[in-house]
Amino acid sequence: MTTLDPKQLSKKDNYRLLTSAITPRPIAFITSISKEGVLNAAPFSYFSVISAEPPLLAVSIGRKEGQQKDTARNILQMGEFVVHGVDEDNVKKMNQTAMNLPSDQSEVGKVGLSPIVSEVVGVPSLKESKVRFECKLEKHLVFEEGDSATDFIIGRIVSYTVNDDLYNDGVVQTDKLMPIARLGGKQYSRLGKIFELDRP
């Protein structure tokens, strides 16, 4: 086996190793809004649910050249955001929102996404997503290493929205959702064979 010391690797090398080894990863397709009213949409795969009671999810957003990304800055300023699921129907538009735009321009209109009014928060949701989690900012942490920093954001879920054809007896039917997962590099993955294991 190969053993590597993270301290001996560059930021890029650590990133490449982590994103290719820790897979598949769910994708948080996040909408946030600036204090000037610009709707931002961007995907992040350093993401997970962290608690059911209270319902909390977390996303890590790395800074670029020391500057917060629009999503992190918007969430911290406005205190709200929406996390959308990514599936086979919206993955291409999701990927297009990773473009670099000035903070006064919205990715939503440029890639043809449809903003709709959310149930609880003031940040619009995206019609194209079949599962949506409206969130209020619960906690913000900053992790720093040398010249690099990451904003770790915990959101409290205040509303769930699930398409009716996916929702049955309190659960989302994964096989009908057809979720997409993030792998390393430019790679993504569709849902494979589903199997069950009884808990001991």
C-alpha atoms as a PDB file:
ATOM      1  CA  MET A   1       0.000   0.000   0.000  1.00  0.00           C
ATOM      2  CA  THR A   2       1.041   3.610  -0.529  1.00  0.00           C
ATOM      3  CA  THR A   3       1.248   5.922   2.498  1.00  0.00           C
ATOM      4  CA  LEU A   4       1.239   9.683   2.018  1.00  0.00           C
ATOM      5  CA  ASP A   5       1.710  12.585   4.413  1.00  0.00           C
ATOM      6  CA  PRO A   6      -0.882  15.317   3.720  1.00  0.00           C
ATOM      7  CA  LYS A   7       1.617  17.940   4.885  1.00  0.00           C
ATOM      8  CA  GLN A   8       3.986  16.903   2.093  1.00  0.00           C
ATOM      9  CA  LEU A   9       1.318  17.332  -0.594  1.00  0.00           C
ATOM     10  CA  SER A  10       0.230  20.542  -2.277  1.00  0.00           C
ATOM     11  CA  LYS A  11      -3.316  21.809  -1.903  1.00  0.00           C
ATOM     12  CA  LYS A  12      -4.048  20.551  -5.417  1.00  0.00           C
ATOM     13  CA  ASP A  13      -2.617  17.114  -4.676  1.00  0.00           C
ATOM     14  CA  ASN A  14      -4.607  16.785  -1.449  1.00  0.00           C
ATOM     15  CA  TYR A  15      -7.732  17.837  -3.329  1.00  0.00           C
ATOM     16  CA  ARG A  16      -7.186  15.328  -6.137  1.00  0.00           C
ATOM     17  CA  LEU A  17      -6.541  12.479  -3.713  1.00  0.00           C
ATOM     18  CA  LEU A  18      -9.506  13.244  -1.465  1.00  0.00           C
ATOM     19  CA  THR A  19     -12.022  13.749  -4.253  1.00  0.00           C
ATOM     20  CA  SER A  20     -10.996  10.581  -6.049  1.00  0.00           C
ATOM     21  CA  ALA A  21     -10.899   8.412  -2.908  1.00  0.00           C
ATOM     22  CA  ILE A  22     -13.934   9.642  -0.973  1.00  0.00           C
ATOM     23  CA  THR A  23     -16.642   8.729  -3.428  1.00  0.00           C
ATOM     24  CA  PRO A  24     -19.434   8.805  -4.302  1.00  0.00           C
ATOM     25  CA  ARG A  25     -20.333  12.168  -2.765  1.00  0.00           C
ATOM     26  CA  PRO A  26     -23.773  13.806  -2.806  1.00  0.00           C
ATOM     27  CA  ILE A  27     -23.962  17.228  -4.407  1.00  0.00           C
ATOM     28  CA  ALA A  28     -25.420  20.282  -2.703  1.00  0.00           C
ATOM     29  CA  PHE A  29     -26.776  22.491  -5.477  1.00  0.00           C
ATOM     30  CA  ILE A  30     -27.174  25.719  -3.520  1.00  0.00           C
ATOM     31  CA  THR A  31     -29.081  28.886  -4.236  1.00  0.00           C
ATOM     32  CA  SER A  32     -28.270  31.971  -2.208  1.00  0.00           C
ATOM     33  CA  ILE A  33     -29.036  35.634  -2.662  1.00  0.00           C
ATOM     34  CA  SER A  34     -26.794  38.660  -2.211  1.00  0.00           C
ATOM     35  CA  LYS A  35     -27.781  41.745  -0.256  1.00  0.00           C
ATOM     36  CA  GLU A  36     -28.076  43.445  -3.666  1.00  0.00           C
ATOM     37  CA  GLY A  37     -30.667  40.845  -4.690  1.00  0.00           C
ATOM     38  CA  VAL A  38     -28.561  38.777  -7.119  1.00  0.00           C
ATOM     39  CA  LEU A  39     -29.563  35.096  -7.122  1.00  0.00           C
ATOM     40  CA  ASN A  40     -26.546  32.781  -7.093  1.00  0.00           C
ATOM     41  CA  ALA A  41     -26.536  29.051  -7.888  1.00  0.00           C
ATOM     42  CA  ALA A  42     -23.518  26.793  -7.403  1.00  0.00           C
ATOM     43  CA  PRO A  43     -22.709  23.108  -6.718  1.00  0.00           C
ATOM     44  CA  PHE A  44     -20.617  21.759  -3.832  1.00  0.00           C
ATOM     45  CA  SER A  45     -19.697  18.141  -3.134  1.00  0.00           C
ATOM     46  CA  TYR A  46     -18.083  18.591   0.290  1.00  0.00           C
ATOM     47  CA  PHE A  47     -21.558  18.124   1.719  1.00  0.00           C
ATOM     48  CA  SER A  48     -23.605  15.893   4.011  1.00  0.00           C
ATOM     49  CA  VAL A  49     -26.519  15.644   6.413  1.00  0.00           C
ATOM     50  CA  ILE A  50     -25.143  15.744   9.972  1.00  0.00           C
ATOM     51  CA  SER A  51     -28.203  15.476  12.233  1.00  0.00           C
ATOM     52  CA  ALA A  52     -31.891  14.520  12.102  1.00  0.00           C
ATOM     53  CA  GLU A  53     -32.849  16.157  15.389  1.00  0.00           C
ATOM     54  CA  PRO A  54     -32.345  19.006  14.880  1.00  0.00           C
ATOM     55  CA  PRO A  55     -32.353  18.579  11.081  1.00  0.00           C
ATOM     56  CA  LEU A  56     -28.942  19.898  10.061  1.00  0.00           C
ATOM     57  CA  LEU A  57     -26.790  19.689   6.964  1.00  0.00           C
ATOM     58  CA  ALA A  58     -23.292  20.961   6.345  1.00  0.00           C
ATOM     59  CA  VAL A  59     -21.317  22.181   3.374  1.00  0.00           C
ATOM     60  CA  SER A  60     -17.657  23.194   3.061  1.00  0.00           C
ATOM     61  CA  ILE A  61     -16.885  26.043   0.684  1.00  0.00           C
ATOM     62  CA  GLY A  62     -13.216  26.626  -0.046  1.00  0.00           C
ATOM     63  CA  ARG A  63     -12.064  30.194  -0.527  1.00  0.00           C
ATOM     64  CA  LYS A  64     -10.394  31.231  -3.777  1.00  0.00           C
ATOM     65  CA  GLU A  65      -7.169  33.176  -3.372  1.00  0.00           C
ATOM     66  CA  GLY A  66      -8.259  34.055   0.162  1.00  0.00           C
ATOM     67  CA  GLN A  67     -11.637  35.439  -0.934  1.00  0.00           C
ATOM     68  CA  GLN A  68     -14.996  33.955   0.074  1.00  0.00           C
ATOM     69  CA  LYS A  69     -17.043  32.539  -2.762  1.00  0.00           C
ATOM     70  CA  ASP A  70     -20.361  34.229  -3.533  1.00  0.00           C
ATOM     71  CA  THR A  71     -22.345  31.381  -1.953  1.00  0.00           C
ATOM     72  CA  ALA A  72     -20.556  31.581   1.403  1.00  0.00           C
ATOM     73  CA  ARG A  73     -20.670  35.374   1.512  1.00  0.00           C
ATOM     74  CA  ASN A  74     -24.373  35.444   0.628  1.00  0.00           C
ATOM     75  CA  ILE A  75     -25.273  32.851   3.260  1.00  0.00           C
ATOM     76  CA  LEU A  76     -23.344  34.705   5.954  1.00  0.00           C
ATOM     77  CA  GLN A  77     -24.872  38.056   5.007  1.00  0.00           C
ATOM     78  CA  MET A  78     -28.471  36.917   4.524  1.00  0.00           C
ATOM     79  CA  GLY A  79     -28.637  33.901   6.836  1.00  0.00           C
ATOM     80  CA  GLU A  80     -30.596  31.691   4.412  1.00  0.00           C
ATOM     81  CA  PHE A  81     -30.052  29.314   1.498  1.00  0.00           C
ATOM     82  CA  VAL A  82     -31.639  26.403  -0.359  1.00  0.00           C
ATOM     83  CA  VAL A  83     -29.967  23.053  -1.049  1.00  0.00           C
ATOM     84  CA  HIS A  84     -31.270  21.212  -4.119  1.00  0.00           C
ATOM     85  CA  GLY A  85     -30.778  17.587  -5.021  1.00  0.00           C
ATOM     86  CA  VAL A  86     -28.994  16.752  -8.262  1.00  0.00           C
ATOM     87  CA  ASP A  87     -30.433  14.061 -10.525  1.00  0.00           C
ATOM     88  CA  GLU A  88     -30.143  12.824 -14.087  1.00  0.00           C
ATOM     89  CA  ASP A  89     -32.537  15.515 -15.324  1.00  0.00           C
ATOM     90  CA  ASN A  90     -30.790  18.593 -13.905  1.00  0.00           C
ATOM     91  CA  VAL A  91     -27.126  17.534 -13.726  1.00  0.00           C
ATOM     92  CA  LYS A  92     -26.053  19.283 -16.944  1.00  0.00           C
ATOM     93  CA  LYS A  93     -27.504  22.635 -15.908  1.00  0.00           C
ATOM     94  CA  MET A  94     -26.040  22.173 -12.438  1.00  0.00           C
ATOM     95  CA  ASN A  95     -22.607  21.667 -13.970  1.00  0.00           C
ATOM     96  CA  GLN A  96     -22.966  24.829 -16.064  1.00  0.00           C
ATOM     97  CA  THR A  97     -23.501  26.923 -12.923  1.00  0.00           C
ATOM     98  CA  ALA A  98     -19.902  26.195 -11.887  1.00  0.00           C
ATOM     99  CA  MET A  99     -18.858  28.924 -14.371  1.00  0.00           C
ATOM    100  CA  ASN A 100     -16.946  31.912 -13.031  1.00  0.00           C
ATOM    101  CA  LEU A 101     -19.173  34.978 -13.111  1.00  0.00           C
ATOM    102  CA  PRO A 102     -18.853  38.385 -11.460  1.00  0.00           C
ATOM    103  CA  SER A 103     -20.847  38.566  -8.228  1.00  0.00           C
ATOM    104  CA  ASP A 104     -23.344  40.954  -9.793  1.00  0.00           C
ATOM    105  CA  GLN A 105     -24.434  38.347 -12.372  1.00  0.00           C
ATOM    106  CA  SER A 106     -26.680  35.333 -11.823  1.00  0.00           C
ATOM    107  CA  GLU A 107     -25.915  31.846 -13.111  1.00  0.00           C
ATOM    108  CA  VAL A 108     -29.603  30.946 -12.903  1.00  0.00           C
ATOM    109  CA  GLY A 109     -30.752  32.898 -15.930  1.00  0.00           C
ATOM    110  CA  LYS A 110     -27.609  32.200 -17.936  1.00  0.00           C
ATOM    111  CA  VAL A 111     -28.110  28.424 -17.851  1.00  0.00           C
ATOM    112  CA  GLY A 112     -31.911  28.474 -18.206  1.00  0.00           C
ATOM    113  CA  LEU A 113     -32.940  27.468 -14.680  1.00  0.00           C
ATOM    114  CA  SER A 114     -36.354  28.475 -13.312  1.00  0.00           C
ATOM    115  CA  PRO A 115     -36.428  30.278  -9.946  1.00  0.00           C
ATOM    116  CA  ILE A 116     -39.598  29.842  -7.884  1.00  0.00           C
ATOM    117  CA  VAL A 117     -40.754  31.215  -4.538  1.00  0.00           C
ATOM    118  CA  SER A 118     -39.616  29.085  -1.595  1.00  0.00           C
ATOM    119  CA  GLU A 119     -41.987  27.968   1.172  1.00  0.00           C
ATOM    120  CA  VAL A 120     -40.211  29.542   4.154  1.00  0.00           C
ATOM    121  CA  VAL A 121     -36.965  31.324   3.251  1.00  0.00           C
ATOM    122  CA  GLY A 122     -36.582  34.407   1.088  1.00  0.00           C
ATOM    123  CA  VAL A 123     -34.069  32.735  -1.238  1.00  0.00           C
ATOM    124  CA  PRO A 124     -35.735  31.376  -4.397  1.00  0.00           C
ATOM    125  CA  SER A 125     -35.675  27.649  -5.115  1.00  0.00           C
ATOM    126  CA  LEU A 126     -35.096  25.999  -8.481  1.00  0.00           C
ATOM    127  CA  LYS A 127     -38.070  24.351 -10.147  1.00  0.00           C
ATOM    128  CA  GLU A 128     -35.822  21.823 -11.893  1.00  0.00           C
ATOM    129  CA  SER A 129     -34.865  20.085  -8.618  1.00  0.00           C
ATOM    130  CA  LYS A 130     -37.153  17.345  -7.295  1.00  0.00           C
ATOM    131  CA  VAL A 131     -35.885  17.527  -3.700  1.00  0.00           C
ATOM    132  CA  ARG A 132     -35.200  20.803  -1.915  1.00  0.00           C
ATOM    133  CA  PHE A 133     -34.073  21.747   1.592  1.00  0.00           C
ATOM    134  CA  GLU A 134     -34.686  25.310   2.697  1.00  0.00           C
ATOM    135  CA  CYS A 135     -32.157  26.282   5.355  1.00  0.00           C
ATOM    136  CA  LYS A 136     -31.354  28.950   7.909  1.00  0.00           C
ATOM    137  CA  LEU A 137     -27.742  29.496   8.887  1.00  0.00           C
ATOM    138  CA  GLU A 138     -27.071  27.610  12.128  1.00  0.00           C
ATOM    139  CA  LYS A 139     -23.299  27.923  12.526  1.00  0.00           C
ATOM    140  CA  HIS A 140     -20.253  29.095  10.620  1.00  0.00           C
ATOM    141  CA  LEU A 141     -16.697  27.911  11.199  1.00  0.00           C
ATOM    142  CA  VAL A 142     -13.490  28.830   9.382  1.00  0.00           C
ATOM    143  CA  PHE A 143     -10.617  26.385   8.923  1.00  0.00           C
ATOM    144  CA  GLU A 144      -7.290  27.895   7.906  1.00  0.00           C
ATOM    145  CA  GLU A 145      -4.031  26.354   6.731  1.00  0.00           C
ATOM    146  CA  GLY A 146      -1.302  28.654   5.511  1.00  0.00           C
ATOM    147  CA  ASP A 147      -2.781  30.930   2.843  1.00  0.00           C
ATOM    148  CA  SER A 148      -5.844  28.724   2.366  1.00  0.00           C
ATOM    149  CA  ALA A 149      -9.176  28.840   4.185  1.00  0.00           C
ATOM    150  CA  THR A 150     -12.493  27.015   4.073  1.00  0.00           C
ATOM    151  CA  ASP A 151     -15.895  28.222   5.215  1.00  0.00           C
ATOM    152  CA  PHE A 152     -17.765  25.400   6.966  1.00  0.00           C
ATOM    153  CA  ILE A 153     -21.468  26.187   7.009  1.00  0.00           C
ATOM    154  CA  ILE A 154     -24.116  24.326   8.999  1.00  0.00           C
ATOM    155  CA  GLY A 155     -27.711  24.933   7.971  1.00  0.00           C
ATOM    156  CA  ARG A 156     -30.869  24.123   9.903  1.00  0.00           C
ATOM    157  CA  ILE A 157     -33.513  22.722   7.572  1.00  0.00           C
ATOM    158  CA  VAL A 158     -36.772  24.660   7.967  1.00  0.00           C
ATOM    159  CA  SER A 159     -38.694  23.143   5.058  1.00  0.00           C
ATOM    160  CA  TYR A 160     -38.556  20.047   2.856  1.00  0.00           C
ATOM    161  CA  THR A 161     -40.051  19.994  -0.632  1.00  0.00           C
ATOM    162  CA  VAL A 162     -40.264  16.694  -2.516  1.00  0.00           C
ATOM    163  CA  ASN A 163     -42.012  15.937  -5.808  1.00  0.00           C
ATOM    164  CA  ASP A 164     -45.191  13.947  -5.138  1.00  0.00           C
ATOM    165  CA  ASP A 165     -44.191  11.083  -7.441  1.00  0.00           C
ATOM    166  CA  LEU A 166     -41.038  10.494  -5.375  1.00  0.00           C
ATOM    167  CA  TYR A 167     -42.558  10.683  -1.905  1.00  0.00           C
ATOM    168  CA  ASN A 168     -44.112   7.599  -0.327  1.00  0.00           C
ATOM    169  CA  ASP A 169     -44.757   6.711   3.299  1.00  0.00           C
ATOM    170  CA  GLY A 170     -42.344   9.327   4.636  1.00  0.00           C
ATOM    171  CA  VAL A 171     -39.387   8.506   2.408  1.00  0.00           C
ATOM    172  CA  VAL A 172     -37.980   9.600  -0.941  1.00  0.00           C
ATOM    173  CA  GLN A 173     -37.893   6.716  -3.419  1.00  0.00           C
ATOM    174  CA  THR A 174     -34.264   6.779  -4.451  1.00  0.00           C
ATOM    175  CA  ASP A 175     -34.743   4.645  -7.562  1.00  0.00           C
ATOM    176  CA  LYS A 176     -37.238   7.180  -8.920  1.00  0.00           C
ATOM    177  CA  LEU A 177     -35.141  10.199  -7.914  1.00  0.00           C
ATOM    178  CA  MET A 178     -32.176   8.939  -9.976  1.00  0.00           C
ATOM    179  CA  PRO A 179     -29.585  10.943  -7.988  1.00  0.00           C
ATOM    180  CA  ILE A 180     -26.191  11.873  -9.344  1.00  0.00           C
ATOM    181  CA  ALA A 181     -23.024  11.576  -7.264  1.00  0.00           C
ATOM    182  CA  ARG A 182     -19.696  13.350  -7.614  1.00  0.00           C
ATOM    183  CA  LEU A 183     -16.513  11.412  -8.217  1.00  0.00           C
ATOM    184  CA  GLY A 184     -12.983  12.700  -8.900  1.00  0.00           C
ATOM    185  CA  GLY A 185     -11.926  15.042 -11.694  1.00  0.00           C
ATOM    186  CA  LYS A 186     -14.713  15.565 -14.227  1.00  0.00           C
ATOM    187  CA  GLN A 187     -16.466  12.332 -13.289  1.00  0.00           C
ATOM    188  CA  TYR A 188     -19.992  11.813 -12.014  1.00  0.00           C
ATOM    189  CA  SER A 189     -21.940   8.651 -11.291  1.00  0.00           C
ATOM    190  CA  ARG A 190     -25.508   7.452 -11.739  1.00  0.00           C
ATOM    191  CA  LEU A 191     -27.266   5.276  -9.186  1.00  0.00           C
ATOM    192  CA  GLY A 192     -26.120   1.673  -9.453  1.00  0.00           C
ATOM    193  CA  LYS A 193     -27.739  -1.520  -8.229  1.00  0.00           C
ATOM    194  CA  ILE A 194     -29.614  -1.102  -4.942  1.00  0.00           C
ATOM    195  CA  PHE A 195     -29.343  -3.816  -2.297  1.00  0.00           C
ATOM    196  CA  GLU A 196     -30.343  -4.209   1.339  1.00  0.00           C
ATOM    197  CA  LEU A 197     -28.539  -5.533   4.401  1.00  0.00           C
ATOM    198  CA  ASP A 198     -30.281  -6.282   7.693  1.00  0.00           C
ATOM    199  CA  ARG A 199     -28.791  -4.576  10.726  1.00  0.00           C
ATOM    200  CA  PRO A 200     -27.278  -6.993  13.272  1.00  0.00           C
END
